Amino acid sequence: MTTMKAVADLRVKIFGDGADLPRMIELYGLPWIRGFTTNPTLMNKARIRDYRAFAKEVIAAIPDRPLSFEVFSDEFVEMERQAREIATWGSNVYVKIPVTNTRREPASDLIGRLAHAGVQVNVTAVMTLQQVRDVVEQLRGGAASCVSVFAGRIADTGRDPLPIMREAVSILRAEPRAELIWASPRELLNIFQADDIGCHIITVTHDILSRLRNVGRDLDDYSLETVRMFYDDARKAGLAL
């Protein structure tokens, strides 16, 4: 039987991904949650309407682990203004910059300018190796940074993200201050895959984190539990033939 690594023994850093402050604080109590990310979509789902107030609440509650907050303009001049403000909110804050705007215009110049001005950037929505190369070139010699490759969305297109993520790990060796994030995981296994290839960080939503209790479970026992679940649910539904 394959021995599973304990969560505490994983090299990959697990970041919580969400915008529910009480849950974020709950996760903050777990030493193996090493940081947090959020984005406008998650904030919208959480019905956050005052971005600045929400972010400052998060920073006050979680002052000593990396936190990523995203710009939301589509114009690079305004993105830069937002990024520079967000960067002032805390020394543990990373500013998420999309790899392009909605017109497919690369954010490369802005990324380089911010990184070399001392802003910790987290370049987001990256999905191709060419994007990874372009971003790393801009980050060279700049502040600590992250490159978020959306492995889960790559998988949603029918492509295996593992070869792409392995190559991205290799590309990031050119800039030691940049860390690769396995973003948008789809299943718990992705945490162990990210660890196995040497990915630095994986962002994980609450629903996937809740499955960590199953790590290393005996599969015969898990099989029996599943059979019992089907049996019990059939009885509750009153199924009959």
C-alpha atoms as a PDB file:
ATOM      1  CA  MET A   1       0.000   0.000   0.000  1.00  0.00           C
ATOM      2  CA  THR A   2       1.333   3.461  -0.922  1.00  0.00           C
ATOM      3  CA  THR A   3       2.217   5.592   2.095  1.00  0.00           C
ATOM      4  CA  MET A   4       0.617   9.012   1.881  1.00  0.00           C
ATOM      5  CA  LYS A   5       2.453  12.084   3.068  1.00  0.00           C
ATOM      6  CA  ALA A   6       0.921  13.810   6.055  1.00  0.00           C
ATOM      7  CA  VAL A   7      -0.264  17.355   5.316  1.00  0.00           C
ATOM      8  CA  ALA A   8       2.350  18.724   7.723  1.00  0.00           C
ATOM      9  CA  ASP A   9       5.094  17.002   5.691  1.00  0.00           C
ATOM     10  CA  LEU A  10       4.180  18.536   2.334  1.00  0.00           C
ATOM     11  CA  ARG A  11       6.714  20.908   0.804  1.00  0.00           C
ATOM     12  CA  VAL A  12       4.113  22.775  -1.227  1.00  0.00           C
ATOM     13  CA  LYS A  13       2.616  25.690   0.697  1.00  0.00           C
ATOM     14  CA  ILE A  14      -1.177  25.532   0.979  1.00  0.00           C
ATOM     15  CA  PHE A  15      -2.952  28.881   0.670  1.00  0.00           C
ATOM     16  CA  GLY A  16      -6.642  29.299   1.449  1.00  0.00           C
ATOM     17  CA  ASP A  17      -8.646  30.725  -1.463  1.00  0.00           C
ATOM     18  CA  GLY A  18     -11.830  32.597  -0.622  1.00  0.00           C
ATOM     19  CA  ALA A  19     -13.466  35.796   0.567  1.00  0.00           C
ATOM     20  CA  ASP A  20     -15.398  34.617   3.627  1.00  0.00           C
ATOM     21  CA  LEU A  21     -13.634  36.377   6.505  1.00  0.00           C
ATOM     22  CA  PRO A  22     -14.848  34.064   9.326  1.00  0.00           C
ATOM     23  CA  ARG A  23     -13.654  31.021   7.366  1.00  0.00           C
ATOM     24  CA  MET A  24     -10.368  32.729   6.578  1.00  0.00           C
ATOM     25  CA  ILE A  25      -9.835  33.387  10.275  1.00  0.00           C
ATOM     26  CA  GLU A  26     -10.707  29.763  11.035  1.00  0.00           C
ATOM     27  CA  LEU A  27      -8.088  28.598   8.511  1.00  0.00           C
ATOM     28  CA  TYR A  28      -5.586  31.056   9.961  1.00  0.00           C
ATOM     29  CA  GLY A  29      -5.668  28.922  13.111  1.00  0.00           C
ATOM     30  CA  LEU A  30      -4.162  26.021  11.143  1.00  0.00           C
ATOM     31  CA  PRO A  31      -0.350  26.275  10.999  1.00  0.00           C
ATOM     32  CA  TRP A  32      -0.169  24.491   7.639  1.00  0.00           C
ATOM     33  CA  ILE A  33      -2.278  27.167   5.936  1.00  0.00           C
ATOM     34  CA  ARG A  34       0.593  29.396   4.863  1.00  0.00           C
ATOM     35  CA  GLY A  35      -1.246  32.258   3.151  1.00  0.00           C
ATOM     36  CA  PHE A  36      -4.462  33.425   1.496  1.00  0.00           C
ATOM     37  CA  THR A  37      -5.678  34.591  -1.896  1.00  0.00           C
ATOM     38  CA  THR A  38      -8.915  36.113  -3.076  1.00  0.00           C
ATOM     39  CA  ASN A  39     -10.267  37.682  -6.257  1.00  0.00           C
ATOM     40  CA  PRO A  40     -13.206  39.827  -7.450  1.00  0.00           C
ATOM     41  CA  THR A  41     -15.304  36.773  -8.369  1.00  0.00           C
ATOM     42  CA  LEU A  42     -14.960  35.302  -4.877  1.00  0.00           C
ATOM     43  CA  MET A  43     -15.711  38.716  -3.368  1.00  0.00           C
ATOM     44  CA  ASN A  44     -18.826  39.040  -5.490  1.00  0.00           C
ATOM     45  CA  LYS A  45     -20.016  35.601  -4.353  1.00  0.00           C
ATOM     46  CA  ALA A  46     -19.400  36.676  -0.753  1.00  0.00           C
ATOM     47  CA  ARG A  47     -21.326  39.917  -1.455  1.00  0.00           C
ATOM     48  CA  ILE A  48     -18.376  42.117  -0.576  1.00  0.00           C
ATOM     49  CA  ARG A  49     -19.190  45.655  -1.665  1.00  0.00           C
ATOM     50  CA  ASP A  50     -16.570  47.749   0.166  1.00  0.00           C
ATOM     51  CA  TYR A  51     -13.296  46.346  -1.146  1.00  0.00           C
ATOM     52  CA  ARG A  52     -10.992  48.560   0.897  1.00  0.00           C
ATOM     53  CA  ALA A  53     -12.833  47.926   4.172  1.00  0.00           C
ATOM     54  CA  PHE A  54     -12.927  44.157   3.571  1.00  0.00           C
ATOM     55  CA  ALA A  55      -9.236  43.991   2.729  1.00  0.00           C
ATOM     56  CA  LYS A  56      -8.240  45.976   5.779  1.00  0.00           C
ATOM     57  CA  GLU A  57     -10.334  43.697   7.998  1.00  0.00           C
ATOM     58  CA  VAL A  58      -8.532  40.692   6.527  1.00  0.00           C
ATOM     59  CA  ILE A  59      -5.104  42.282   7.008  1.00  0.00           C
ATOM     60  CA  ALA A  60      -5.918  43.191  10.623  1.00  0.00           C
ATOM     61  CA  ALA A  61      -7.019  39.612  11.325  1.00  0.00           C
ATOM     62  CA  ILE A  62      -4.162  37.955   9.383  1.00  0.00           C
ATOM     63  CA  PRO A  63      -1.125  40.238   9.712  1.00  0.00           C
ATOM     64  CA  ASP A  64       1.688  37.750   9.263  1.00  0.00           C
ATOM     65  CA  ARG A  65       0.904  35.507   6.264  1.00  0.00           C
ATOM     66  CA  PRO A  66       0.887  36.432   2.567  1.00  0.00           C
ATOM     67  CA  LEU A  67      -2.411  37.898   1.338  1.00  0.00           C
ATOM     68  CA  SER A  68      -3.258  38.519  -2.316  1.00  0.00           C
ATOM     69  CA  PHE A  69      -5.760  41.181  -3.393  1.00  0.00           C
ATOM     70  CA  GLU A  70      -6.534  41.860  -7.048  1.00  0.00           C
ATOM     71  CA  VAL A  71      -6.863  45.042  -9.079  1.00  0.00           C
ATOM     72  CA  PHE A  72     -10.134  45.312 -10.976  1.00  0.00           C
ATOM     73  CA  SER A  73      -9.637  47.957 -13.661  1.00  0.00           C
ATOM     74  CA  ASP A  74      -9.237  47.050 -17.334  1.00  0.00           C
ATOM     75  CA  GLU A  75      -6.998  50.062 -18.054  1.00  0.00           C
ATOM     76  CA  PHE A  76      -3.326  49.764 -17.215  1.00  0.00           C
ATOM     77  CA  VAL A  77      -2.988  53.306 -15.868  1.00  0.00           C
ATOM     78  CA  GLU A  78      -5.802  52.700 -13.390  1.00  0.00           C
ATOM     79  CA  MET A  79      -4.532  49.181 -12.647  1.00  0.00           C
ATOM     80  CA  GLU A  80      -1.228  50.729 -11.620  1.00  0.00           C
ATOM     81  CA  ARG A  81      -2.905  53.296  -9.385  1.00  0.00           C
ATOM     82  CA  GLN A  82      -4.950  50.571  -7.685  1.00  0.00           C
ATOM     83  CA  ALA A  83      -1.914  48.300  -7.365  1.00  0.00           C
ATOM     84  CA  ARG A  84       0.200  50.963  -5.710  1.00  0.00           C
ATOM     85  CA  GLU A  85      -2.564  51.729  -3.214  1.00  0.00           C
ATOM     86  CA  ILE A  86      -3.197  48.055  -2.413  1.00  0.00           C
ATOM     87  CA  ALA A  87       0.538  47.552  -1.855  1.00  0.00           C
ATOM     88  CA  THR A  88       0.474  50.149   0.938  1.00  0.00           C
ATOM     89  CA  TRP A  89      -2.065  48.192   2.962  1.00  0.00           C
ATOM     90  CA  GLY A  90       0.474  45.818   4.510  1.00  0.00           C
ATOM     91  CA  SER A  91       3.950  44.348   4.142  1.00  0.00           C
ATOM     92  CA  ASN A  92       2.382  40.896   3.694  1.00  0.00           C
ATOM     93  CA  VAL A  93       0.179  42.040   0.779  1.00  0.00           C
ATOM     94  CA  TYR A  94       0.666  40.826  -2.783  1.00  0.00           C
ATOM     95  CA  VAL A  95      -1.139  42.615  -5.605  1.00  0.00           C
ATOM     96  CA  LYS A  96      -2.805  40.381  -8.194  1.00  0.00           C
ATOM     97  CA  ILE A  97      -2.362  41.639 -11.742  1.00  0.00           C
ATOM     98  CA  PRO A  98      -4.100  39.774 -14.603  1.00  0.00           C
ATOM     99  CA  VAL A  99      -1.680  38.613 -17.283  1.00  0.00           C
ATOM    100  CA  THR A 100      -3.682  40.578 -19.884  1.00  0.00           C
ATOM    101  CA  ASN A 101      -6.625  42.941 -19.858  1.00  0.00           C
ATOM    102  CA  THR A 102      -9.962  42.038 -21.478  1.00  0.00           C
ATOM    103  CA  ARG A 103      -8.657  43.230 -24.867  1.00  0.00           C
ATOM    104  CA  ARG A 104      -5.871  40.610 -24.747  1.00  0.00           C
ATOM    105  CA  GLU A 105      -3.260  43.345 -24.278  1.00  0.00           C
ATOM    106  CA  PRO A 106      -0.362  41.933 -22.213  1.00  0.00           C
ATOM    107  CA  ALA A 107       0.218  43.466 -18.794  1.00  0.00           C
ATOM    108  CA  SER A 108       3.966  42.786 -19.117  1.00  0.00           C
ATOM    109  CA  ASP A 109       5.172  46.395 -18.890  1.00  0.00           C
ATOM    110  CA  LEU A 110       2.999  47.107 -15.869  1.00  0.00           C
ATOM    111  CA  ILE A 111       4.137  43.900 -14.143  1.00  0.00           C
ATOM    112  CA  GLY A 112       7.791  44.798 -14.661  1.00  0.00           C
ATOM    113  CA  ARG A 113       7.305  48.391 -13.539  1.00  0.00           C
ATOM    114  CA  LEU A 114       5.534  47.381 -10.343  1.00  0.00           C
ATOM    115  CA  ALA A 115       7.943  44.554  -9.476  1.00  0.00           C
ATOM    116  CA  HIS A 116      10.946  46.861  -9.879  1.00  0.00           C
ATOM    117  CA  ALA A 117       9.226  49.546  -7.808  1.00  0.00           C
ATOM    118  CA  GLY A 118       9.110  47.108  -4.883  1.00  0.00           C
ATOM    119  CA  VAL A 119       5.479  46.003  -5.260  1.00  0.00           C
ATOM    120  CA  GLN A 120       4.957  42.303  -4.508  1.00  0.00           C
ATOM    121  CA  VAL A 121       2.891  41.132  -7.456  1.00  0.00           C
ATOM    122  CA  ASN A 122       0.919  37.954  -8.045  1.00  0.00           C
ATOM    123  CA  VAL A 123       0.388  37.598 -11.785  1.00  0.00           C
ATOM    124  CA  THR A 124      -2.921  35.829 -12.259  1.00  0.00           C
ATOM    125  CA  ALA A 125      -4.964  34.012 -14.942  1.00  0.00           C
ATOM    126  CA  VAL A 126      -1.807  32.574 -16.548  1.00  0.00           C
ATOM    127  CA  MET A 127      -2.432  29.469 -18.675  1.00  0.00           C
ATOM    128  CA  THR A 128       0.337  29.122 -21.268  1.00  0.00           C
ATOM    129  CA  LEU A 129       4.057  28.501 -20.953  1.00  0.00           C
ATOM    130  CA  GLN A 130       4.768  31.505 -23.171  1.00  0.00           C
ATOM    131  CA  GLN A 131       2.876  33.673 -20.680  1.00  0.00           C
ATOM    132  CA  VAL A 132       4.982  32.172 -17.878  1.00  0.00           C
ATOM    133  CA  ARG A 133       8.209  32.979 -19.763  1.00  0.00           C
ATOM    134  CA  ASP A 134       7.108  36.546 -20.517  1.00  0.00           C
ATOM    135  CA  VAL A 135       6.077  37.185 -16.927  1.00  0.00           C
ATOM    136  CA  VAL A 136       9.270  35.749 -15.418  1.00  0.00           C
ATOM    137  CA  GLU A 137      11.331  37.965 -17.728  1.00  0.00           C
ATOM    138  CA  GLN A 138       9.508  41.007 -16.334  1.00  0.00           C
ATOM    139  CA  LEU A 139       9.909  39.843 -12.731  1.00  0.00           C
ATOM    140  CA  ARG A 140      13.692  39.282 -12.932  1.00  0.00           C
ATOM    141  CA  GLY A 141      15.472  41.263 -10.249  1.00  0.00           C
ATOM    142  CA  GLY A 142      12.262  42.685  -8.813  1.00  0.00           C
ATOM    143  CA  ALA A 143      10.396  42.260  -5.536  1.00  0.00           C
ATOM    144  CA  ALA A 144       9.160  38.909  -4.236  1.00  0.00           C
ATOM    145  CA  SER A 145       6.387  37.722  -6.527  1.00  0.00           C
ATOM    146  CA  CYS A 146       4.065  34.891  -7.551  1.00  0.00           C
ATOM    147  CA  VAL A 147       2.950  33.494 -10.892  1.00  0.00           C
ATOM    148  CA  SER A 148      -0.498  31.882 -10.740  1.00  0.00           C
ATOM    149  CA  VAL A 149      -0.969  29.232 -13.411  1.00  0.00           C
ATOM    150  CA  PHE A 150      -4.599  28.113 -13.546  1.00  0.00           C
ATOM    151  CA  ALA A 151      -3.996  24.370 -13.753  1.00  0.00           C
ATOM    152  CA  GLY A 152      -7.632  23.538 -13.033  1.00  0.00           C
ATOM    153  CA  ARG A 153      -8.887  25.655 -15.914  1.00  0.00           C
ATOM    154  CA  ILE A 154      -6.266  24.108 -18.186  1.00  0.00           C
ATOM    155  CA  ALA A 155      -7.655  20.692 -17.177  1.00  0.00           C
ATOM    156  CA  ASP A 156     -11.173  21.924 -17.951  1.00  0.00           C
ATOM    157  CA  THR A 157     -10.126  22.194 -21.620  1.00  0.00           C
ATOM    158  CA  GLY A 158      -9.217  18.494 -21.768  1.00  0.00           C
ATOM    159  CA  ARG A 159      -5.470  19.163 -21.468  1.00  0.00           C
ATOM    160  CA  ASP A 160      -3.297  17.501 -18.836  1.00  0.00           C
ATOM    161  CA  PRO A 161      -1.909  20.381 -16.751  1.00  0.00           C
ATOM    162  CA  LEU A 162       0.913  18.343 -15.187  1.00  0.00           C
ATOM    163  CA  PRO A 163       3.434  18.700 -18.044  1.00  0.00           C
ATOM    164  CA  ILE A 164       2.704  22.431 -18.200  1.00  0.00           C
ATOM    165  CA  MET A 165       3.130  22.830 -14.453  1.00  0.00           C
ATOM    166  CA  ARG A 166       6.382  20.837 -14.472  1.00  0.00           C
ATOM    167  CA  GLU A 167       7.797  23.075 -17.186  1.00  0.00           C
ATOM    168  CA  ALA A 168       6.592  26.172 -15.335  1.00  0.00           C
ATOM    169  CA  VAL A 169       8.528  25.021 -12.255  1.00  0.00           C
ATOM    170  CA  SER A 170      11.631  24.819 -14.456  1.00  0.00           C
ATOM    171  CA  ILE A 171      11.066  28.264 -15.984  1.00  0.00           C
ATOM    172  CA  LEU A 172      10.698  29.888 -12.561  1.00  0.00           C
ATOM    173  CA  ARG A 173      14.147  28.691 -11.523  1.00  0.00           C
ATOM    174  CA  ALA A 174      15.453  31.676 -13.488  1.00  0.00           C
ATOM    175  CA  GLU A 175      13.996  34.024 -10.865  1.00  0.00           C
ATOM    176  CA  PRO A 176      14.455  32.724  -7.311  1.00  0.00           C
ATOM    177  CA  ARG A 177      12.272  35.465  -5.800  1.00  0.00           C
ATOM    178  CA  ALA A 178       9.273  34.327  -7.853  1.00  0.00           C
ATOM    179  CA  GLU A 179       7.082  31.432  -6.694  1.00  0.00           C
ATOM    180  CA  LEU A 180       4.799  29.303  -8.824  1.00  0.00           C
ATOM    181  CA  ILE A 181       1.190  28.943  -7.706  1.00  0.00           C
ATOM    182  CA  TRP A 182      -0.929  25.962  -8.801  1.00  0.00           C
ATOM    183  CA  ALA A 183      -4.203  27.862  -9.051  1.00  0.00           C
ATOM    184  CA  SER A 184      -7.803  26.644  -9.407  1.00  0.00           C
ATOM    185  CA  PRO A 185      -7.283  23.030  -8.274  1.00  0.00           C
ATOM    186  CA  ARG A 186     -10.191  20.738  -8.967  1.00  0.00           C
ATOM    187  CA  GLU A 187      -9.533  17.910  -6.510  1.00  0.00           C
ATOM    188  CA  LEU A 188      -7.578  17.062  -3.387  1.00  0.00           C
ATOM    189  CA  LEU A 189      -5.100  14.996  -5.409  1.00  0.00           C
ATOM    190  CA  ASN A 190      -3.853  18.228  -6.987  1.00  0.00           C
ATOM    191  CA  ILE A 191      -2.225  19.182  -3.662  1.00  0.00           C
ATOM    192  CA  PHE A 192      -0.079  16.048  -3.779  1.00  0.00           C
ATOM    193  CA  GLN A 193       0.643  16.492  -7.488  1.00  0.00           C
ATOM    194  CA  ALA A 194       1.795  20.055  -6.865  1.00  0.00           C
ATOM    195  CA  ASP A 195       4.012  18.846  -4.035  1.00  0.00           C
ATOM    196  CA  ASP A 196       5.479  16.067  -6.167  1.00  0.00           C
ATOM    197  CA  ILE A 197       6.603  18.379  -9.002  1.00  0.00           C
ATOM    198  CA  GLY A 198       8.109  20.979  -6.672  1.00  0.00           C
ATOM    199  CA  CYS A 199       5.451  23.674  -7.141  1.00  0.00           C
ATOM    200  CA  HIS A 200       5.880  26.317  -4.460  1.00  0.00           C
ATOM    201  CA  ILE A 201       2.244  27.111  -3.588  1.00  0.00           C
ATOM    202  CA  ILE A 202      -1.244  25.760  -4.242  1.00  0.00           C
ATOM    203  CA  THR A 203      -4.376  27.823  -3.620  1.00  0.00           C
ATOM    204  CA  VAL A 204      -7.213  25.693  -2.250  1.00  0.00           C
ATOM    205  CA  THR A 205     -10.878  26.510  -1.726  1.00  0.00           C
ATOM    206  CA  HIS A 206     -12.765  25.573   1.448  1.00  0.00           C
ATOM    207  CA  ASP A 207     -14.659  22.693  -0.157  1.00  0.00           C
ATOM    208  CA  ILE A 208     -11.441  20.930  -1.173  1.00  0.00           C
ATOM    209  CA  LEU A 209      -9.742  21.681   2.149  1.00  0.00           C
ATOM    210  CA  SER A 210     -12.645  19.963   3.911  1.00  0.00           C
ATOM    211  CA  ARG A 211     -11.643  16.696   2.212  1.00  0.00           C
ATOM    212  CA  LEU A 212      -8.224  16.637   3.857  1.00  0.00           C
ATOM    213  CA  ARG A 213      -9.708  14.482   6.601  1.00  0.00           C
ATOM    214  CA  ASN A 214      -9.748  11.647   4.043  1.00  0.00           C
ATOM    215  CA  VAL A 215      -6.005  11.714   3.382  1.00  0.00           C
ATOM    216  CA  GLY A 216      -4.509   8.270   3.972  1.00  0.00           C
ATOM    217  CA  ARG A 217      -7.812   6.581   4.745  1.00  0.00           C
ATOM    218  CA  ASP A 218      -8.042   2.811   4.367  1.00  0.00           C
ATOM    219  CA  LEU A 219      -9.774   2.265   1.023  1.00  0.00           C
ATOM    220  CA  ASP A 220     -11.624  -0.860   2.182  1.00  0.00           C
ATOM    221  CA  ASP A 221     -13.109   1.143   5.049  1.00  0.00           C
ATOM    222  CA  TYR A 222     -13.925   4.018   2.701  1.00  0.00           C
ATOM    223  CA  SER A 223     -15.602   1.571   0.321  1.00  0.00           C
ATOM    224  CA  LEU A 224     -17.771   0.232   3.139  1.00  0.00           C
ATOM    225  CA  GLU A 225     -18.698   3.762   4.227  1.00  0.00           C
ATOM    226  CA  THR A 226     -19.789   4.510   0.654  1.00  0.00           C
ATOM    227  CA  VAL A 227     -21.933   1.368   0.483  1.00  0.00           C
ATOM    228  CA  ARG A 228     -23.573   2.331   3.775  1.00  0.00           C
ATOM    229  CA  MET A 229     -24.233   5.847   2.469  1.00  0.00           C
ATOM    230  CA  PHE A 230     -26.038   4.486  -0.608  1.00  0.00           C
ATOM    231  CA  TYR A 231     -28.029   2.048   1.548  1.00  0.00           C
ATOM    232  CA  ASP A 232     -29.021   4.686   4.103  1.00  0.00           C
ATOM    233  CA  ASP A 233     -29.991   7.224   1.435  1.00  0.00           C
ATOM    234  CA  ALA A 234     -32.137   4.656  -0.375  1.00  0.00           C
ATOM    235  CA  ARG A 235     -34.001   4.010   2.874  1.00  0.00           C
ATOM    236  CA  LYS A 236     -34.419   7.745   3.584  1.00  0.00           C
ATOM    237  CA  ALA A 237     -35.814   8.237   0.073  1.00  0.00           C
ATOM    238  CA  GLY A 238     -38.254   5.354   0.579  1.00  0.00           C
ATOM    239  CA  LEU A 239     -37.151   3.706  -2.657  1.00  0.00           C
ATOM    240  CA  ALA A 240     -39.066   0.554  -3.581  1.00  0.00           C
ATOM    241  CA  LEU A 241     -39.479  -1.743  -6.573  1.00  0.00           C
END
